[in-house]
Amino acid sequence: MSMVSSAEQLRLALSEVVDPEIPAVSILDMGMVGEIQLSEAGTALVEILPTFSGCPALPIIAANVRERLSREPGVRSVEVSFVFDPIWTSDRISDEGRNRLREFGIAPAPLTRGRPLRMVQAQSVACPFCGSTRTVMENLFGPTPCRSIYRCVDCRNPFERFKAL
């Protein structure tokens, strides 16, 4: 007989749900998973903090969360809600998530740690391919609203960078 899952086991299961736009990193590593509750009736309530309020991937993320958690012992239904309090910030990305972003070719946003964004955004951006900080922003607006396009002067590779939020 299988044991009923706990909220912590459900959280760990979400490490298998990847960001549809960046399949190298999970929604857990992106810091998108908020509160999780499991009722006695087997309903899993999951809060997701969107990286951007207009993110077109939100319906896909919700469907993937429901599909993954519905396979957990004791889960009869899954309800996903998108919440904006607390607000998602780039500081929520885990160290593992930052490493996976670099390996995927995306520079993670710098840690703000409460500093004003203008100070953080003025920092040099390291190329995820060669590590050089001789990089230039080519376009503030990348393929999604939360990323910008950069180019490395040394290795000449273009790359994306998460915006600090």
Foldseek 3Di string as FASTA:
>chain_A
DDDADFQVVLLVLQQCACQVVQRLGGQQLQLQWDDWHADQQQEIETEGADPDPPDPCVVVSQVSSQVRSCPGPSHDGYDYDYDCVVHRWLLSRHPVNQLSCLVSFEHEQDHCVPPDLVVSVPDFTAGSPPRDSQKDFPACDDPDVQWTWMAHPVVGDIGIYGRGD
